[in-house]
């Protein structure tokens, strides 16, 4: 049985959104003016839209899956130590600094 992972299309859309916003920031255009488009991204090498190949996308999805899985496991351990059966935001806040250092 294969482990569930993030959808490639979702991760690709998120990455494209971040790349578009960064391109707009470099050109000093307000993101709200662009309205989810890649307005202002030209064809010069400096402004060419960034893309990801299929292997990079698969690797990114796997990294996110492992990161989220580890976060849930660590937060669950904290919740269990406190005698609580449900993970809360405070449990994630406790584990986040070390988790980010580990990754």
PDB file of N, CA and C in Angstrom:
ATOM      1  N   UNK A   1       0.835  -1.173   0.000  1.00  0.00           N
ATOM      2  CA  UNK A   1       0.000   0.000   0.000  1.00  0.00           C
ATOM      3  C   UNK A   1       0.885   1.244   0.000  1.00  0.00           C
ATOM      4  N   UNK A   2       0.657   2.126  -0.942  1.00  0.00           N
ATOM      5  CA  UNK A   2       1.459   3.325  -1.072  1.00  0.00           C
ATOM      6  C   UNK A   2       0.980   4.404  -0.110  1.00  0.00           C
ATOM      7  N   UNK A   3       1.928   5.136   0.471  1.00  0.00           N
ATOM      8  CA  UNK A   3       1.590   6.192   1.413  1.00  0.00           C
ATOM      9  C   UNK A   3       0.932   7.357   0.695  1.00  0.00           C
ATOM     10  N   UNK A   4      -0.040   7.974   1.354  1.00  0.00           N
ATOM     11  CA  UNK A   4      -0.695   9.143   0.785  1.00  0.00           C
ATOM     12  C   UNK A   4       0.300  10.295   0.760  1.00  0.00           C
ATOM     13  N   UNK A   5       0.230  11.078  -0.273  1.00  0.00           N
ATOM     14  CA  UNK A   5       1.121  12.217  -0.406  1.00  0.00           C
ATOM     15  C   UNK A   5       0.326  13.399  -0.939  1.00  0.00           C
ATOM     16  N   UNK A   6       0.964  14.519  -1.070  1.00  0.00           N
ATOM     17  CA  UNK A   6       0.296  15.693  -1.605  1.00  0.00           C
ATOM     18  C   UNK A   6       0.138  15.550  -3.116  1.00  0.00           C
ATOM     19  N   UNK A   7      -0.906  16.145  -3.638  1.00  0.00           N
ATOM     20  CA  UNK A   7      -1.138  16.128  -5.084  1.00  0.00           C
ATOM     21  C   UNK A   7      -0.082  16.983  -5.771  1.00  0.00           C
ATOM     22  N   UNK A   8       0.493  16.458  -6.846  1.00  0.00           N
ATOM     23  CA  UNK A   8       1.515  17.186  -7.591  1.00  0.00           C
ATOM     24  C   UNK A   8       0.987  18.515  -8.114  1.00  0.00           C
ATOM     25  N   UNK A   9      -0.252  18.504  -8.606  1.00  0.00           N
ATOM     26  CA  UNK A   9      -0.826  19.728  -9.165  1.00  0.00           C
ATOM     27  C   UNK A   9      -0.983  20.812  -8.098  1.00  0.00           C
ATOM     28  N   UNK A  10      -1.365  20.423  -6.903  1.00  0.00           N
ATOM     29  CA  UNK A  10      -1.527  21.384  -5.820  1.00  0.00           C
ATOM     30  C   UNK A  10      -0.196  22.033  -5.466  1.00  0.00           C
ATOM     31  N   UNK A  11       0.818  21.217  -5.289  1.00  0.00           N
ATOM     32  CA  UNK A  11       2.139  21.732  -4.933  1.00  0.00           C
ATOM     33  C   UNK A  11       2.680  22.605  -6.059  1.00  0.00           C
ATOM     34  N   UNK A  12       2.468  22.179  -7.303  1.00  0.00           N
ATOM     35  CA  UNK A  12       2.931  22.967  -8.443  1.00  0.00           C
ATOM     36  C   UNK A  12       2.234  24.326  -8.471  1.00  0.00           C
ATOM     37  N   UNK A  13       0.941  24.364  -8.212  1.00  0.00           N
ATOM     38  CA  UNK A  13       0.204  25.640  -8.175  1.00  0.00           C
ATOM     39  C   UNK A  13       0.707  26.541  -7.057  1.00  0.00           C
ATOM     40  N   UNK A  14       0.995  25.965  -5.901  1.00  0.00           N
ATOM     41  CA  UNK A  14       1.513  26.752  -4.786  1.00  0.00           C
ATOM     42  C   UNK A  14       2.870  27.345  -5.149  1.00  0.00           C
ATOM     43  N   UNK A  15       3.745  26.520  -5.716  1.00  0.00           N
ATOM     44  CA  UNK A  15       5.068  27.003  -6.106  1.00  0.00           C
ATOM     45  C   UNK A  15       4.967  28.092  -7.168  1.00  0.00           C
ATOM     46  N   UNK A  16       4.102  27.880  -8.169  1.00  0.00           N
ATOM     47  CA  UNK A  16       3.929  28.888  -9.210  1.00  0.00           C
ATOM     48  C   UNK A  16       3.436  30.199  -8.622  1.00  0.00           C
ATOM     49  N   UNK A  17       2.543  30.130  -7.657  1.00  0.00           N
ATOM     50  CA  UNK A  17       2.023  31.340  -7.009  1.00  0.00           C
ATOM     51  C   UNK A  17       3.143  32.095  -6.292  1.00  0.00           C
ATOM     52  N   UNK A  18       3.965  31.376  -5.559  1.00  0.00           N
ATOM     53  CA  UNK A  18       5.077  32.007  -4.848  1.00  0.00           C
ATOM     54  C   UNK A  18       6.057  32.617  -5.837  1.00  0.00           C
ATOM     55  N   UNK A  19       6.383  31.890  -6.897  1.00  0.00           N
ATOM     56  CA  UNK A  19       7.309  32.416  -7.896  1.00  0.00           C
ATOM     57  C   UNK A  19       6.753  33.666  -8.565  1.00  0.00           C
ATOM     58  N   UNK A  20       5.465  33.667  -8.853  1.00  0.00           N
ATOM     59  CA  UNK A  20       4.835  34.832  -9.478  1.00  0.00           C
ATOM     60  C   UNK A  20       4.877  36.038  -8.557  1.00  0.00           C
ATOM     61  N   UNK A  21       4.574  35.818  -7.272  1.00  0.00           N
ATOM     62  CA  UNK A  21       4.611  36.918  -6.308  1.00  0.00           C
ATOM     63  C   UNK A  21       6.018  37.483  -6.162  1.00  0.00           C
ATOM     64  N   UNK A  22       7.001  36.608  -6.147  1.00  0.00           N
ATOM     65  CA  UNK A  22       8.386  37.082  -6.035  1.00  0.00           C
ATOM     66  C   UNK A  22       8.806  37.856  -7.280  1.00  0.00           C
ATOM     67  N   UNK A  23       8.365  37.412  -8.452  1.00  0.00           N
ATOM     68  CA  UNK A  23       8.673  38.139  -9.689  1.00  0.00           C
ATOM     69  C   UNK A  23       8.038  39.520  -9.656  1.00  0.00           C
ATOM     70  N   UNK A  24       6.815  39.590  -9.150  1.00  0.00           N
ATOM     71  CA  UNK A  24       6.136  40.878  -9.048  1.00  0.00           C
ATOM     72  C   UNK A  24       6.827  41.790  -8.037  1.00  0.00           C
ATOM     73  N   UNK A  25       7.309  41.210  -6.945  1.00  0.00           N
ATOM     74  CA  UNK A  25       8.033  41.999  -5.948  1.00  0.00           C
ATOM     75  C   UNK A  25       9.313  42.575  -6.534  1.00  0.00           C
ATOM     76  N   UNK A  26      10.012  41.769  -7.347  1.00  0.00           N
ATOM     77  CA  UNK A  26      11.231  42.259  -7.977  1.00  0.00           C
ATOM     78  C   UNK A  26      10.946  43.428  -8.907  1.00  0.00           C
ATOM     79  N   UNK A  27       9.778  43.433  -9.484  1.00  0.00           N
ATOM     80  CA  UNK A  27       9.399  44.499 -10.406  1.00  0.00           C
ATOM     81  C   UNK A  27       8.647  45.620  -9.706  1.00  0.00           C
ATOM     82  N   UNK A  28       8.544  45.537  -8.381  1.00  0.00           N
ATOM     83  CA  UNK A  28       7.855  46.543  -7.565  1.00  0.00           C
ATOM     84  C   UNK A  28       6.402  46.728  -7.972  1.00  0.00           C
ATOM     85  N   UNK A  29       5.718  45.630  -8.237  1.00  0.00           N
ATOM     86  CA  UNK A  29       4.297  45.650  -8.549  1.00  0.00           C
ATOM     87  C   UNK A  29       3.564  45.068  -7.359  1.00  0.00           C
ATOM     88  N   UNK A  30       2.486  45.713  -6.944  1.00  0.00           N
ATOM     89  CA  UNK A  30       1.702  45.208  -5.824  1.00  0.00           C
ATOM     90  C   UNK A  30       1.010  43.913  -6.224  1.00  0.00           C
ATOM     91  N   UNK A  31       1.093  42.852  -5.411  1.00  0.00           N
ATOM     92  CA  UNK A  31       0.435  41.589  -5.743  1.00  0.00           C
ATOM     93  C   UNK A  31      -1.067  41.738  -5.954  1.00  0.00           C
ATOM     94  N   UNK A  32      -1.708  42.644  -5.233  1.00  0.00           N
ATOM     95  CA  UNK A  32      -3.145  42.819  -5.401  1.00  0.00           C
ATOM     96  C   UNK A  32      -3.473  43.394  -6.770  1.00  0.00           C
ATOM     97  N   UNK A  33      -2.540  44.132  -7.378  1.00  0.00           N
ATOM     98  CA  UNK A  33      -2.755  44.682  -8.713  1.00  0.00           C
ATOM     99  C   UNK A  33      -2.711  43.592  -9.780  1.00  0.00           C
ATOM    100  N   UNK A  34      -1.994  42.511  -9.504  1.00  0.00           N
ATOM    101  CA  UNK A  34      -1.808  41.470 -10.502  1.00  0.00           C
ATOM    102  C   UNK A  34      -2.982  40.505 -10.566  1.00  0.00           C
ATOM    103  N   UNK A  35      -3.716  40.348  -9.471  1.00  0.00           N
ATOM    104  CA  UNK A  35      -4.890  39.479  -9.418  1.00  0.00           C
ATOM    105  C   UNK A  35      -4.644  38.075  -9.968  1.00  0.00           C
ATOM    106  N   UNK A  36      -3.723  37.370  -9.313  1.00  0.00           N
ATOM    107  CA  UNK A  36      -3.433  35.958  -9.620  1.00  0.00           C
ATOM    108  C   UNK A  36      -2.885  35.721 -11.016  1.00  0.00           C
ATOM    109  N   UNK A  37      -2.402  36.702 -11.681  1.00  0.00           N
ATOM    110  CA  UNK A  37      -1.815  36.471 -12.993  1.00  0.00           C
ATOM    111  C   UNK A  37      -0.330  36.745 -12.907  1.00  0.00           C
ATOM    112  N   UNK A  38       0.369  36.419 -13.951  1.00  0.00           N
ATOM    113  CA  UNK A  38       1.796  36.647 -13.993  1.00  0.00           C
ATOM    114  C   UNK A  38       2.072  37.919 -14.774  1.00  0.00           C
ATOM    115  N   UNK A  39       1.302  38.951 -14.520  1.00  0.00           N
ATOM    116  CA  UNK A  39       1.471  40.219 -15.196  1.00  0.00           C
ATOM    117  C   UNK A  39       2.835  40.782 -14.857  1.00  0.00           C
ATOM    118  N   UNK A  40       3.518  41.282 -15.855  1.00  0.00           N
ATOM    119  CA  UNK A  40       4.813  41.891 -15.629  1.00  0.00           C
ATOM    120  C   UNK A  40       5.966  40.931 -15.756  1.00  0.00           C
ATOM    121  N   UNK A  41       5.698  39.665 -15.869  1.00  0.00           N
ATOM    122  CA  UNK A  41       6.773  38.698 -16.027  1.00  0.00           C
ATOM    123  C   UNK A  41       7.110  38.657 -17.505  1.00  0.00           C
ATOM    124  N   UNK A  42       8.287  39.136 -17.842  1.00  0.00           N
ATOM    125  CA  UNK A  42       8.679  39.254 -19.244  1.00  0.00           C
ATOM    126  C   UNK A  42       9.391  38.022 -19.748  1.00  0.00           C
ATOM    127  N   UNK A  43      10.034  38.175 -20.875  1.00  0.00           N
ATOM    128  CA  UNK A  43      10.716  37.046 -21.494  1.00  0.00           C
ATOM    129  C   UNK A  43      12.222  37.103 -21.286  1.00  0.00           C
ATOM    130  N   UNK A  44      12.727  38.179 -20.681  1.00  0.00           N
ATOM    131  CA  UNK A  44      14.161  38.232 -20.442  1.00  0.00           C
ATOM    132  C   UNK A  44      14.538  37.146 -19.442  1.00  0.00           C
ATOM    133  N   UNK A  45      15.797  36.771 -19.438  1.00  0.00           N
ATOM    134  CA  UNK A  45      16.238  35.696 -18.561  1.00  0.00           C
ATOM    135  C   UNK A  45      15.967  36.034 -17.095  1.00  0.00           C
ATOM    136  N   UNK A  46      16.107  37.310 -16.739  1.00  0.00           N
ATOM    137  CA  UNK A  46      15.885  37.732 -15.361  1.00  0.00           C
ATOM    138  C   UNK A  46      14.426  37.553 -14.965  1.00  0.00           C
ATOM    139  N   UNK A  47      13.500  37.782 -15.883  1.00  0.00           N
ATOM    140  CA  UNK A  47      12.084  37.761 -15.569  1.00  0.00           C
ATOM    141  C   UNK A  47      11.353  36.514 -16.056  1.00  0.00           C
ATOM    142  N   UNK A  48      12.068  35.575 -16.615  1.00  0.00           N
ATOM    143  CA  UNK A  48      11.437  34.368 -17.133  1.00  0.00           C
ATOM    144  C   UNK A  48      10.772  33.601 -16.000  1.00  0.00           C
ATOM    145  N   UNK A  49       9.544  33.116 -16.217  1.00  0.00           N
ATOM    146  CA  UNK A  49       8.863  32.368 -15.153  1.00  0.00           C
ATOM    147  C   UNK A  49       9.655  31.114 -14.767  1.00  0.00           C
ATOM    148  N   UNK A  50       9.679  30.831 -13.487  1.00  0.00           N
ATOM    149  CA  UNK A  50      10.385  29.659 -12.979  1.00  0.00           C
ATOM    150  C   UNK A  50       9.477  28.444 -13.123  1.00  0.00           C
ATOM    151  N   UNK A  51      10.077  27.310 -13.392  1.00  0.00           N
ATOM    152  CA  UNK A  51       9.295  26.083 -13.506  1.00  0.00           C
ATOM    153  C   UNK A  51      10.017  24.962 -12.771  1.00  0.00           C
ATOM    154  N   UNK A  52       9.301  23.885 -12.542  1.00  0.00           N
ATOM    155  CA  UNK A  52       9.878  22.724 -11.863  1.00  0.00           C
ATOM    156  C   UNK A  52       9.643  21.489 -12.718  1.00  0.00           C
ATOM    157  N   UNK A  53      10.658  20.645 -12.807  1.00  0.00           N
ATOM    158  CA  UNK A  53      10.453  19.408 -13.559  1.00  0.00           C
ATOM    159  C   UNK A  53       9.733  18.378 -12.690  1.00  0.00           C
ATOM    160  N   UNK A  54       9.312  17.309 -13.292  1.00  0.00           N
ATOM    161  CA  UNK A  54       8.494  16.309 -12.596  1.00  0.00           C
ATOM    162  C   UNK A  54       9.216  15.693 -11.405  1.00  0.00           C
ATOM    163  N   UNK A  55      10.504  15.420 -11.537  1.00  0.00           N
ATOM    164  CA  UNK A  55      11.248  14.819 -10.420  1.00  0.00           C
ATOM    165  C   UNK A  55      11.364  15.774  -9.238  1.00  0.00           C
ATOM    166  N   UNK A  56      11.578  17.048  -9.520  1.00  0.00           N
ATOM    167  CA  UNK A  56      11.647  18.042  -8.437  1.00  0.00           C
ATOM    168  C   UNK A  56      10.305  18.149  -7.730  1.00  0.00           C
ATOM    169  N   UNK A  57       9.232  18.067  -8.488  1.00  0.00           N
ATOM    170  CA  UNK A  57       7.894  18.138  -7.906  1.00  0.00           C
ATOM    171  C   UNK A  57       7.614  16.920  -7.025  1.00  0.00           C
ATOM    172  N   UNK A  58       8.012  15.735  -7.488  1.00  0.00           N
ATOM    173  CA  UNK A  58       7.834  14.519  -6.690  1.00  0.00           C
ATOM    174  C   UNK A  58       8.622  14.606  -5.395  1.00  0.00           C
ATOM    175  N   UNK A  59       9.845  15.092  -5.487  1.00  0.00           N
ATOM    176  CA  UNK A  59      10.694  15.221  -4.310  1.00  0.00           C
ATOM    177  C   UNK A  59      10.115  16.234  -3.327  1.00  0.00           C
ATOM    178  N   UNK A  60       9.589  17.339  -3.832  1.00  0.00           N
ATOM    179  CA  UNK A  60       8.972  18.347  -2.974  1.00  0.00           C
ATOM    180  C   UNK A  60       7.753  17.770  -2.257  1.00  0.00           C
ATOM    181  N   UNK A  61       6.930  17.024  -2.976  1.00  0.00           N
ATOM    182  CA  UNK A  61       5.753  16.400  -2.363  1.00  0.00           C
ATOM    183  C   UNK A  61       6.157  15.422  -1.269  1.00  0.00           C
ATOM    184  N   UNK A  62       7.186  14.643  -1.523  1.00  0.00           N
ATOM    185  CA  UNK A  62       7.652  13.675  -0.524  1.00  0.00           C
ATOM    186  C   UNK A  62       8.225  14.388   0.698  1.00  0.00           C
ATOM    187  N   UNK A  63       8.983  15.464   0.484  1.00  0.00           N
ATOM    188  CA  UNK A  63       9.535  16.221   1.596  1.00  0.00           C
ATOM    189  C   UNK A  63       8.416  16.811   2.452  1.00  0.00           C
ATOM    190  N   UNK A  64       7.399  17.363   1.820  1.00  0.00           N
ATOM    191  CA  UNK A  64       6.265  17.910   2.567  1.00  0.00           C
ATOM    192  C   UNK A  64       5.518  16.822   3.325  1.00  0.00           C
ATOM    193  N   UNK A  65       5.365  15.650   2.716  1.00  0.00           N
ATOM    194  CA  UNK A  65       4.683  14.542   3.387  1.00  0.00           C
ATOM    195  C   UNK A  65       5.446  14.125   4.644  1.00  0.00           C
ATOM    196  N   UNK A  66       6.748  13.993   4.526  1.00  0.00           N
ATOM    197  CA  UNK A  66       7.571  13.586   5.670  1.00  0.00           C
ATOM    198  C   UNK A  66       7.549  14.669   6.745  1.00  0.00           C
ATOM    199  N   UNK A  67       7.632  15.933   6.331  1.00  0.00           N
ATOM    200  CA  UNK A  67       7.618  17.046   7.282  1.00  0.00           C
ATOM    201  C   UNK A  67       6.318  17.074   8.075  1.00  0.00           C
ATOM    202  N   UNK A  68       5.188  16.971   7.391  1.00  0.00           N
ATOM    203  CA  UNK A  68       3.883  17.012   8.060  1.00  0.00           C
ATOM    204  C   UNK A  68       3.697  15.790   8.956  1.00  0.00           C
ATOM    205  N   UNK A  69       4.109  14.627   8.460  1.00  0.00           N
ATOM    206  CA  UNK A  69       3.995  13.405   9.249  1.00  0.00           C
ATOM    207  C   UNK A  69       4.816  13.504  10.534  1.00  0.00           C
ATOM    208  N   UNK A  70       6.027  14.019  10.421  1.00  0.00           N
ATOM    209  CA  UNK A  70       6.889  14.181  11.597  1.00  0.00           C
ATOM    210  C   UNK A  70       6.298  15.196  12.570  1.00  0.00           C
ATOM    211  N   UNK A  71       5.732  16.270  12.046  1.00  0.00           N
ATOM    212  CA  UNK A  71       5.110  17.289  12.902  1.00  0.00           C
ATOM    213  C   UNK A  71       3.948  16.693  13.683  1.00  0.00           C
ATOM    214  N   UNK A  72       3.128  15.906  13.024  1.00  0.00           N
ATOM    215  CA  UNK A  72       1.977  15.286  13.695  1.00  0.00           C
ATOM    216  C   UNK A  72       2.445  14.298  14.759  1.00  0.00           C
ATOM    217  N   UNK A  73       3.452  13.491  14.438  1.00  0.00           N
ATOM    218  CA  UNK A  73       3.947  12.515  15.411  1.00  0.00           C
ATOM    219  C   UNK A  73       4.531  13.193  16.647  1.00  0.00           C
ATOM    220  N   UNK A  74       5.314  14.244  16.430  1.00  0.00           N
ATOM    221  CA  UNK A  74       5.905  14.950  17.570  1.00  0.00           C
ATOM    222  C   UNK A  74       4.838  15.649  18.410  1.00  0.00           C
ATOM    223  N   UNK A  75       3.872  16.286  17.740  1.00  0.00           N
ATOM    224  CA  UNK A  75       2.798  16.967  18.463  1.00  0.00           C
ATOM    225  C   UNK A  75       1.946  15.964  19.228  1.00  0.00           C
ATOM    226  N   UNK A  76       1.727  14.784  18.653  1.00  0.00           N
ATOM    227  CA  UNK A  76       0.956  13.745  19.331  1.00  0.00           C
ATOM    228  C   UNK A  76       1.684  13.265  20.584  1.00  0.00           C
ATOM    229  N   UNK A  77       2.993  13.174  20.512  1.00  0.00           N
ATOM    230  CA  UNK A  77       3.766  12.755  21.687  1.00  0.00           C
ATOM    231  C   UNK A  77       3.642  13.782  22.811  1.00  0.00           C
ATOM    232  N   UNK A  78       3.671  15.059  22.463  1.00  0.00           N
ATOM    233  CA  UNK A  78       3.509  16.121  23.469  1.00  0.00           C
ATOM    234  C   UNK A  78       2.107  16.060  24.062  1.00  0.00           C
ATOM    235  N   UNK A  79       1.104  15.892  23.200  1.00  0.00           N
ATOM    236  CA  UNK A  79      -0.285  15.819  23.678  1.00  0.00           C
ATOM    237  C   UNK A  79      -0.474  14.623  24.601  1.00  0.00           C
ATOM    238  N   UNK A  80       0.102  13.485  24.231  1.00  0.00           N
ATOM    239  CA  UNK A  80      -0.008  12.278  25.056  1.00  0.00           C
ATOM    240  C   UNK A  80       0.674  12.477  26.405  1.00  0.00           C
ATOM    241  N   UNK A  81       1.815  13.156  26.405  1.00  0.00           N
ATOM    242  CA  UNK A  81       2.523  13.415  27.656  1.00  0.00           C
ATOM    243  C   UNK A  81       1.709  14.316  28.579  1.00  0.00           C
ATOM    244  N   UNK A  82       0.895  15.184  27.979  1.00  0.00           N
ATOM    245  CA  UNK A  82       0.034  16.066  28.772  1.00  0.00           C
ATOM    246  C   UNK A  82      -1.287  15.403  29.143  1.00  0.00           C
ATOM    247  N   UNK A  83      -1.523  14.189  28.643  1.00  0.00           N
ATOM    248  CA  UNK A  83      -2.750  13.467  28.952  1.00  0.00           C
ATOM    249  C   UNK A  83      -3.943  13.926  28.142  1.00  0.00           C
ATOM    250  N   UNK A  84      -3.683  14.527  26.996  1.00  0.00           N
ATOM    251  CA  UNK A  84      -4.750  15.024  26.123  1.00  0.00           C
ATOM    252  C   UNK A  84      -4.843  14.089  24.921  1.00  0.00           C
ATOM    253  N   UNK A  85      -6.057  13.834  24.454  1.00  0.00           N
ATOM    254  CA  UNK A  85      -6.223  12.913  23.330  1.00  0.00           C
ATOM    255  C   UNK A  85      -6.295  13.606  21.976  1.00  0.00           C
ATOM    256  N   UNK A  86      -6.245  14.925  21.981  1.00  0.00           N
ATOM    257  CA  UNK A  86      -6.346  15.660  20.723  1.00  0.00           C
ATOM    258  C   UNK A  86      -5.189  16.655  20.619  1.00  0.00           C
ATOM    259  N   UNK A  87      -4.593  16.734  19.418  1.00  0.00           N
ATOM    260  CA  UNK A  87      -3.501  17.678  19.179  1.00  0.00           C
ATOM    261  C   UNK A  87      -4.099  19.074  19.031  1.00  0.00           C
ATOM    262  N   UNK A  88      -3.492  20.024  19.727  1.00  0.00           N
ATOM    263  CA  UNK A  88      -3.933  21.411  19.653  1.00  0.00           C
ATOM    264  C   UNK A  88      -2.802  22.273  19.119  1.00  0.00           C
ATOM    265  N   UNK A  89      -3.117  23.512  18.804  1.00  0.00           N
ATOM    266  CA  UNK A  89      -2.126  24.437  18.251  1.00  0.00           C
ATOM    267  C   UNK A  89      -0.933  24.612  19.185  1.00  0.00           C
ATOM    268  N   UNK A  90      -1.177  24.580  20.469  1.00  0.00           N
ATOM    269  CA  UNK A  90      -0.079  24.758  21.433  1.00  0.00           C
ATOM    270  C   UNK A  90       0.934  23.620  21.343  1.00  0.00           C
ATOM    271  N   UNK A  91       0.468  22.422  21.014  1.00  0.00           N
ATOM    272  CA  UNK A  91       1.382  21.286  20.862  1.00  0.00           C
ATOM    273  C   UNK A  91       2.273  21.502  19.638  1.00  0.00           C
ATOM    274  N   UNK A  92       1.691  21.999  18.567  1.00  0.00           N
ATOM    275  CA  UNK A  92       2.490  22.290  17.370  1.00  0.00           C
ATOM    276  C   UNK A  92       3.477  23.417  17.642  1.00  0.00           C
ATOM    277  N   UNK A  93       3.055  24.406  18.418  1.00  0.00           N
ATOM    278  CA  UNK A  93       3.951  25.508  18.765  1.00  0.00           C
ATOM    279  C   UNK A  93       5.148  25.010  19.571  1.00  0.00           C
ATOM    280  N   UNK A  94       4.931  24.008  20.390  1.00  0.00           N
ATOM    281  CA  UNK A  94       6.023  23.455  21.204  1.00  0.00           C
ATOM    282  C   UNK A  94       7.068  22.737  20.358  1.00  0.00           C
ATOM    283  N   UNK A  95       6.622  22.024  19.346  1.00  0.00           N
ATOM    284  CA  UNK A  95       7.553  21.199  18.570  1.00  0.00           C
ATOM    285  C   UNK A  95       8.137  21.937  17.368  1.00  0.00           C
ATOM    286  N   UNK A  96       7.534  23.039  16.968  1.00  0.00           N
ATOM    287  CA  UNK A  96       7.939  23.713  15.734  1.00  0.00           C
ATOM    288  C   UNK A  96       9.399  24.169  15.698  1.00  0.00           C
ATOM    289  N   UNK A  97       9.935  24.809  16.741  1.00  0.00           N
ATOM    290  CA  UNK A  97      11.335  25.255  16.647  1.00  0.00           C
ATOM    291  C   UNK A  97      12.314  24.108  16.378  1.00  0.00           C
ATOM    292  N   UNK A  98      12.212  23.035  17.123  1.00  0.00           N
ATOM    293  CA  UNK A  98      13.122  21.912  16.908  1.00  0.00           C
ATOM    294  C   UNK A  98      12.872  21.224  15.564  1.00  0.00           C
ATOM    295  N   UNK A  99      11.615  21.130  15.166  1.00  0.00           N
ATOM    296  CA  UNK A  99      11.289  20.525  13.879  1.00  0.00           C
ATOM    297  C   UNK A  99      11.924  21.295  12.737  1.00  0.00           C
ATOM    298  N   UNK A 100      11.838  22.611  12.777  1.00  0.00           N
ATOM    299  CA  UNK A 100      12.440  23.424  11.731  1.00  0.00           C
ATOM    300  C   UNK A 100      13.961  23.300  11.725  1.00  0.00           C
ATOM    301  N   UNK A 101      14.558  23.179  12.887  1.00  0.00           N
ATOM    302  CA  UNK A 101      16.006  22.982  12.949  1.00  0.00           C
ATOM    303  C   UNK A 101      16.395  21.617  12.379  1.00  0.00           C
ATOM    304  N   UNK A 102      15.574  20.602  12.617  1.00  0.00           N
ATOM    305  CA  UNK A 102      15.867  19.262  12.126  1.00  0.00           C
ATOM    306  C   UNK A 102      15.736  19.150  10.613  1.00  0.00           C
ATOM    307  N   UNK A 103      14.854  19.957  10.035  1.00  0.00           N
ATOM    308  CA  UNK A 103      14.662  19.891   8.598  1.00  0.00           C
ATOM    309  C   UNK A 103      15.485  20.975   7.947  1.00  0.00           C
TER     310      UNK A 103
END
